[in-house]
Structures are given as C-alpha cells and as structure tokens.
Amino acid sequence: MRVHGFWNEAIINTGMAPIFCGTWTRGLPVAEVAERFGADASTRRIMSWDDVWSGWVLIGGFGEWLLALECQTHRGGDEGFLASMSRGGAEAVNYRWHIDGISPFEYAADGELITGFDVANGGGALHNWYGRDIHALDPYLEGLPFPKDDSARGDEYHFRSHGFAVIERMTGGRLDPQ
C-alpha cells in the first residue's frame, strides 16, 4: 500500500483531513448497520463524498465488510456503540480523528471492545493500549510503526496514514478516493 499517496488522494482531496470517522463491520447486513446508526435503510440513495458533510452517514460495501463514514458525528467512535455494532457474532472496527490530534483505533467483537490504541502517537507505550486483549491486532501490525513501547517515530499524519494499512490488512479492502 502506498500509504502517503493514499493519504493525499483519499483523505486530503476529499476534505477529510481535519475530521474523519469510519466504522467497518463484518457479519451484519446493510439495513441493520443503518438501523444501528439510527437511519432508515428504506430512505437510501446514491451519495457522494460531499454528502457526508451534510450530516449523512455513508454506508457501502467493503469486500466482506461494510463501511459507515461519518463526518459531522462520531457515533462509531463511542466504545459502547462500537461494542453494540459487534453484537451477535459480528466484528466492528472504528478509526477516527478530530482536529484535537487524537486518533483512536478500536476493535470490537461479539458485543465487547477487544482492544484500542491512539494511532496519532504510534501506539506508544504499552500503557497506551487498552481493552481485554491488547495483542488482538498484532497480526496486522507487522512492519508498521505501532510498537507497544516508546520507540515509535513520526508525526500524526505519518501514523494516521498507516492506520489505513491496518484496516486494509484486516478487511482486505482499500478506500477508493473516487
């Protein structure tokens, strides 16, 4: 994955650099994901990146996963909400940031938050990871700048772009800037 190229093409060019909230789910149909976000799937329509700025949640296929993109809200970033998105044998991942520089990445399965860390500081020390299994994401982190010690080097944009490499490894899908 060309991480920095992706950052420029899909994040900066779509206007999502200052704020982003993406929730990926596996094991739920679109209608149920929409319902859990408080939407009525019967009102669905074709949307564009620009629509997300009007407060809509964009939900679409992402290989075996679904992706819900938010801009004006961060519902997917609430730990309780994320855990609820994974009820019934499903899985859910949320990756978000705001202009405050914090960039949580969280994974939930079977109705429970499994692990999370702040991408903007490269994961940082082991105490910056949380959840019942802080090693659950280890298979997806190899070669990426997310050690569980203080050896991470780079700025928040460097780390944020690598957060999408973790998503790609987990889901097998890649965000398309188009």
C-alpha atoms as a PDB file:
ATOM      1  CA  MET A   1       0.000   0.000   0.000  1.00  0.00           C
ATOM      2  CA  ARG A   2       1.351   3.421  -0.928  1.00  0.00           C
ATOM      3  CA  VAL A   3       0.458   4.929   2.394  1.00  0.00           C
ATOM      4  CA  HIS A   4       1.330   8.569   1.842  1.00  0.00           C
ATOM      5  CA  GLY A   5      -0.121   8.530  -1.681  1.00  0.00           C
ATOM      6  CA  PHE A   6      -3.349   7.194  -0.219  1.00  0.00           C
ATOM      7  CA  TRP A   7      -3.330   9.932   2.414  1.00  0.00           C
ATOM      8  CA  ASN A   8      -3.119  12.625  -0.257  1.00  0.00           C
ATOM      9  CA  GLU A   9      -5.598  11.011  -2.678  1.00  0.00           C
ATOM     10  CA  ALA A  10      -8.305   9.752  -0.349  1.00  0.00           C
ATOM     11  CA  ILE A  11      -8.061  11.931   2.733  1.00  0.00           C
ATOM     12  CA  ILE A  12      -6.791  15.379   1.801  1.00  0.00           C
ATOM     13  CA  ASN A  13      -8.533  15.516  -1.592  1.00  0.00           C
ATOM     14  CA  THR A  14     -11.911  14.536  -0.096  1.00  0.00           C
ATOM     15  CA  GLY A  15     -11.612  17.120   2.680  1.00  0.00           C
ATOM     16  CA  MET A  16     -11.439  14.552   5.484  1.00  0.00           C
ATOM     17  CA  ALA A  17      -8.009  15.581   6.792  1.00  0.00           C
ATOM     18  CA  PRO A  18      -9.279  17.605   9.791  1.00  0.00           C
ATOM     19  CA  ILE A  19     -12.015  15.157  10.823  1.00  0.00           C
ATOM     20  CA  PHE A  20     -12.738  11.531   9.984  1.00  0.00           C
ATOM     21  CA  CYS A  21     -14.818   8.705  11.467  1.00  0.00           C
ATOM     22  CA  GLY A  22     -15.049   5.330   9.749  1.00  0.00           C
ATOM     23  CA  THR A  23     -16.693   2.230  11.197  1.00  0.00           C
ATOM     24  CA  TRP A  24     -16.137  -1.076   9.438  1.00  0.00           C
ATOM     25  CA  THR A  25     -18.427  -4.010  10.289  1.00  0.00           C
ATOM     26  CA  ARG A  26     -18.459  -7.655   9.273  1.00  0.00           C
ATOM     27  CA  GLY A  27     -21.350 -10.014   9.854  1.00  0.00           C
ATOM     28  CA  LEU A  28     -24.222  -7.514   9.593  1.00  0.00           C
ATOM     29  CA  PRO A  29     -26.445  -6.622   6.624  1.00  0.00           C
ATOM     30  CA  VAL A  30     -26.566  -3.011   5.392  1.00  0.00           C
ATOM     31  CA  ALA A  31     -30.080  -2.450   6.755  1.00  0.00           C
ATOM     32  CA  GLU A  32     -29.015  -3.463  10.259  1.00  0.00           C
ATOM     33  CA  VAL A  33     -25.905  -1.268  10.186  1.00  0.00           C
ATOM     34  CA  ALA A  34     -28.072   1.655   9.033  1.00  0.00           C
ATOM     35  CA  GLU A  35     -30.612   0.943  11.775  1.00  0.00           C
ATOM     36  CA  ARG A  36     -27.916   0.811  14.465  1.00  0.00           C
ATOM     37  CA  PHE A  37     -26.718   4.218  13.243  1.00  0.00           C
ATOM     38  CA  GLY A  38     -30.299   5.475  13.606  1.00  0.00           C
ATOM     39  CA  ALA A  39     -31.041   5.572   9.879  1.00  0.00           C
ATOM     40  CA  ASP A  40     -33.935   4.160   7.907  1.00  0.00           C
ATOM     41  CA  ALA A  41     -32.468   1.969   5.156  1.00  0.00           C
ATOM     42  CA  SER A  42     -35.627   2.422   3.082  1.00  0.00           C
ATOM     43  CA  THR A  43     -34.601   6.073   2.515  1.00  0.00           C
ATOM     44  CA  ARG A  44     -31.291   5.087   0.957  1.00  0.00           C
ATOM     45  CA  ARG A  45     -29.973   6.833  -2.114  1.00  0.00           C
ATOM     46  CA  ILE A  46     -26.776   7.107  -4.115  1.00  0.00           C
ATOM     47  CA  MET A  47     -24.467   9.558  -2.355  1.00  0.00           C
ATOM     48  CA  SER A  48     -21.071  11.161  -2.840  1.00  0.00           C
ATOM     49  CA  TRP A  49     -18.215  12.229  -0.580  1.00  0.00           C
ATOM     50  CA  ASP A  50     -19.778  15.700  -0.454  1.00  0.00           C
ATOM     51  CA  ASP A  51     -22.954  14.314   1.151  1.00  0.00           C
ATOM     52  CA  VAL A  52     -21.103  13.229   4.259  1.00  0.00           C
ATOM     53  CA  TRP A  53     -20.543  16.905   5.131  1.00  0.00           C
ATOM     54  CA  SER A  54     -24.303  17.405   5.402  1.00  0.00           C
ATOM     55  CA  GLY A  55     -24.507  15.006   8.346  1.00  0.00           C
ATOM     56  CA  TRP A  56     -25.371  11.848   6.438  1.00  0.00           C
ATOM     57  CA  VAL A  57     -23.757   8.501   7.180  1.00  0.00           C
ATOM     58  CA  LEU A  58     -22.395   6.887   4.021  1.00  0.00           C
ATOM     59  CA  ILE A  59     -22.688   3.081   4.187  1.00  0.00           C
ATOM     60  CA  GLY A  60     -21.288   0.853   1.496  1.00  0.00           C
ATOM     61  CA  GLY A  61     -19.698  -2.476   0.719  1.00  0.00           C
ATOM     62  CA  PHE A  62     -16.062  -3.024   1.550  1.00  0.00           C
ATOM     63  CA  GLY A  63     -15.351  -6.608   0.462  1.00  0.00           C
ATOM     64  CA  GLU A  64     -16.790  -8.862   3.169  1.00  0.00           C
ATOM     65  CA  TRP A  65     -17.134  -5.801   5.385  1.00  0.00           C
ATOM     66  CA  LEU A  66     -19.350  -2.720   5.322  1.00  0.00           C
ATOM     67  CA  LEU A  67     -18.023   0.786   5.882  1.00  0.00           C
ATOM     68  CA  ALA A  68     -20.008   3.593   7.512  1.00  0.00           C
ATOM     69  CA  LEU A  69     -18.388   7.029   7.072  1.00  0.00           C
ATOM     70  CA  GLU A  70     -19.387   9.950   9.285  1.00  0.00           C
ATOM     71  CA  CYS A  71     -18.158  13.496   9.282  1.00  0.00           C
ATOM     72  CA  GLN A  72     -20.378  15.639  11.463  1.00  0.00           C
ATOM     73  CA  THR A  73     -20.779  12.925  14.097  1.00  0.00           C
ATOM     74  CA  HIS A  74     -18.578  10.295  15.727  1.00  0.00           C
ATOM     75  CA  ARG A  75     -21.182   7.750  16.828  1.00  0.00           C
ATOM     76  CA  GLY A  76     -18.980   4.881  15.680  1.00  0.00           C
ATOM     77  CA  GLY A  77     -16.272   6.177  17.999  1.00  0.00           C
ATOM     78  CA  ASP A  78     -18.260   5.621  21.175  1.00  0.00           C
ATOM     79  CA  GLU A  79     -16.927   2.433  22.823  1.00  0.00           C
ATOM     80  CA  GLY A  80     -20.419   1.306  23.843  1.00  0.00           C
ATOM     81  CA  PHE A  81     -21.780   1.946  20.359  1.00  0.00           C
ATOM     82  CA  LEU A  82     -18.865   0.120  18.728  1.00  0.00           C
ATOM     83  CA  ALA A  83     -19.372  -2.872  21.026  1.00  0.00           C
ATOM     84  CA  SER A  84     -23.083  -2.885  20.128  1.00  0.00           C
ATOM     85  CA  MET A  85     -22.169  -2.904  16.416  1.00  0.00           C
ATOM     86  CA  SER A  86     -20.379  -6.204  17.017  1.00  0.00           C
ATOM     87  CA  ARG A  87     -23.233  -7.988  18.824  1.00  0.00           C
ATOM     88  CA  GLY A  88     -24.452 -11.310  17.507  1.00  0.00           C
ATOM     89  CA  GLY A  89     -21.114 -12.642  16.271  1.00  0.00           C
ATOM     90  CA  ALA A  90     -20.206  -9.562  14.230  1.00  0.00           C
ATOM     91  CA  GLU A  91     -16.953  -7.594  14.247  1.00  0.00           C
ATOM     92  CA  ALA A  92     -16.508  -3.829  14.194  1.00  0.00           C
ATOM     93  CA  VAL A  93     -13.511  -1.535  13.777  1.00  0.00           C
ATOM     94  CA  ASN A  94     -13.583   2.206  14.290  1.00  0.00           C
ATOM     95  CA  TYR A  95     -10.859   4.594  13.210  1.00  0.00           C
ATOM     96  CA  ARG A  96     -11.374   8.300  13.760  1.00  0.00           C
ATOM     97  CA  TRP A  97      -9.698  11.599  14.397  1.00  0.00           C
ATOM     98  CA  HIS A  98     -10.606  15.176  15.041  1.00  0.00           C
ATOM     99  CA  ILE A  99      -8.677  18.416  14.898  1.00  0.00           C
ATOM    100  CA  ASP A 100      -7.597  17.816  18.515  1.00  0.00           C
ATOM    101  CA  GLY A 101      -4.909  15.386  17.287  1.00  0.00           C
ATOM    102  CA  ILE A 102      -6.281  12.270  18.974  1.00  0.00           C
ATOM    103  CA  SER A 103      -6.766   9.317  16.601  1.00  0.00           C
ATOM    104  CA  PRO A 104      -8.285   6.265  18.316  1.00  0.00           C
ATOM    105  CA  PHE A 105      -8.357   2.905  16.536  1.00  0.00           C
ATOM    106  CA  GLU A 106     -10.643   0.357  18.207  1.00  0.00           C
ATOM    107  CA  TYR A 107     -11.701  -3.216  17.514  1.00  0.00           C
ATOM    108  CA  ALA A 108     -14.789  -4.945  18.942  1.00  0.00           C
ATOM    109  CA  ALA A 109     -16.170  -8.468  18.520  1.00  0.00           C
ATOM    110  CA  ASP A 110     -19.149 -10.339  19.939  1.00  0.00           C
ATOM    111  CA  GLY A 111     -20.501  -7.250  21.700  1.00  0.00           C
ATOM    112  CA  GLU A 112     -17.270  -6.336  23.502  1.00  0.00           C
ATOM    113  CA  LEU A 113     -14.423  -3.888  22.956  1.00  0.00           C
ATOM    114  CA  ILE A 114     -11.370  -6.089  22.394  1.00  0.00           C
ATOM    115  CA  THR A 115      -8.595  -3.508  22.052  1.00  0.00           C
ATOM    116  CA  GLY A 116      -7.742   0.033  21.066  1.00  0.00           C
ATOM    117  CA  PHE A 117      -4.878   2.497  20.835  1.00  0.00           C
ATOM    118  CA  ASP A 118      -4.156   6.060  19.727  1.00  0.00           C
ATOM    119  CA  VAL A 119      -2.767   5.943  16.188  1.00  0.00           C
ATOM    120  CA  ALA A 120      -1.532   9.568  16.293  1.00  0.00           C
ATOM    121  CA  ASN A 121       1.215   8.709  18.768  1.00  0.00           C
ATOM    122  CA  GLY A 122       2.208   5.490  17.000  1.00  0.00           C
ATOM    123  CA  GLY A 123       0.593   3.304  19.627  1.00  0.00           C
ATOM    124  CA  GLY A 124       3.197   4.464  22.073  1.00  0.00           C
ATOM    125  CA  ALA A 125       3.967   2.673  25.280  1.00  0.00           C
ATOM    126  CA  LEU A 126       2.133  -0.477  26.272  1.00  0.00           C
ATOM    127  CA  HIS A 127       0.050   1.505  28.776  1.00  0.00           C
ATOM    128  CA  ASN A 128      -1.467   3.490  25.861  1.00  0.00           C
ATOM    129  CA  TRP A 129      -3.165   0.321  24.576  1.00  0.00           C
ATOM    130  CA  TYR A 130      -6.427  -0.724  26.212  1.00  0.00           C
ATOM    131  CA  GLY A 131      -9.070  -3.437  26.155  1.00  0.00           C
ATOM    132  CA  ARG A 132      -9.141  -7.053  27.270  1.00  0.00           C
ATOM    133  CA  ASP A 133      -6.639  -8.286  24.635  1.00  0.00           C
ATOM    134  CA  ILE A 134      -4.085  -5.662  23.647  1.00  0.00           C
ATOM    135  CA  HIS A 135      -2.399  -8.172  21.336  1.00  0.00           C
ATOM    136  CA  ALA A 136      -5.507  -8.910  19.221  1.00  0.00           C
ATOM    137  CA  LEU A 137      -4.296  -6.645  16.392  1.00  0.00           C
ATOM    138  CA  ASP A 138      -0.677  -7.851  16.420  1.00  0.00           C
ATOM    139  CA  PRO A 139      -1.046  -9.979  13.233  1.00  0.00           C
ATOM    140  CA  TYR A 140      -1.996  -6.807  11.323  1.00  0.00           C
ATOM    141  CA  LEU A 141       0.738  -4.545  12.733  1.00  0.00           C
ATOM    142  CA  GLU A 142       3.894  -6.247  11.486  1.00  0.00           C
ATOM    143  CA  GLY A 143       6.206  -3.764   9.794  1.00  0.00           C
ATOM    144  CA  LEU A 144       4.043  -0.773  10.732  1.00  0.00           C
ATOM    145  CA  PRO A 145       5.142   1.971  13.157  1.00  0.00           C
ATOM    146  CA  PHE A 146       2.899   0.850  16.035  1.00  0.00           C
ATOM    147  CA  PRO A 147       5.186  -0.685  18.671  1.00  0.00           C
ATOM    148  CA  LYS A 148       3.977  -1.254  22.198  1.00  0.00           C
ATOM    149  CA  ASP A 149       6.890   0.743  23.582  1.00  0.00           C
ATOM    150  CA  ASP A 150       8.182   4.289  23.203  1.00  0.00           C
ATOM    151  CA  SER A 151      10.186   3.611  20.015  1.00  0.00           C
ATOM    152  CA  ALA A 152       7.586   4.989  17.542  1.00  0.00           C
ATOM    153  CA  ARG A 153       8.887   7.871  15.419  1.00  0.00           C
ATOM    154  CA  GLY A 154       6.940  10.144  13.077  1.00  0.00           C
ATOM    155  CA  ASP A 155       4.228  12.771  13.131  1.00  0.00           C
ATOM    156  CA  GLU A 156       0.485  12.244  13.486  1.00  0.00           C
ATOM    157  CA  TYR A 157      -0.063  12.310   9.698  1.00  0.00           C
ATOM    158  CA  HIS A 158       2.560   9.601   9.218  1.00  0.00           C
ATOM    159  CA  PHE A 159       0.826   7.433  11.816  1.00  0.00           C
ATOM    160  CA  ARG A 160      -2.698   8.219  10.610  1.00  0.00           C
ATOM    161  CA  SER A 161      -1.905   7.083   7.083  1.00  0.00           C
ATOM    162  CA  HIS A 162      -0.521   3.807   8.436  1.00  0.00           C
ATOM    163  CA  GLY A 163      -3.779   3.303  10.343  1.00  0.00           C
ATOM    164  CA  PHE A 164      -5.374   2.619   6.961  1.00  0.00           C
ATOM    165  CA  ALA A 165      -2.777  -0.078   6.304  1.00  0.00           C
ATOM    166  CA  VAL A 166      -4.116  -1.861   9.400  1.00  0.00           C
ATOM    167  CA  ILE A 167      -7.676  -1.518   8.035  1.00  0.00           C
ATOM    168  CA  GLU A 168      -6.570  -2.885   4.665  1.00  0.00           C
ATOM    169  CA  ARG A 169      -4.889  -5.867   6.304  1.00  0.00           C
ATOM    170  CA  MET A 170      -7.918  -6.612   8.490  1.00  0.00           C
ATOM    171  CA  THR A 171     -10.611  -6.201   5.865  1.00  0.00           C
ATOM    172  CA  GLY A 172      -8.821  -6.976   2.622  1.00  0.00           C
ATOM    173  CA  GLY A 173     -10.315  -3.766   1.186  1.00  0.00           C
ATOM    174  CA  ARG A 174      -8.985  -0.333   0.374  1.00  0.00           C
ATOM    175  CA  LEU A 175     -10.747   3.023   0.371  1.00  0.00           C
ATOM    176  CA  ASP A 176     -11.008   4.376  -3.145  1.00  0.00           C
ATOM    177  CA  PRO A 177     -10.673   8.154  -3.379  1.00  0.00           C
ATOM    178  CA  GLN A 178     -13.244   8.103  -6.197  1.00  0.00           C
END
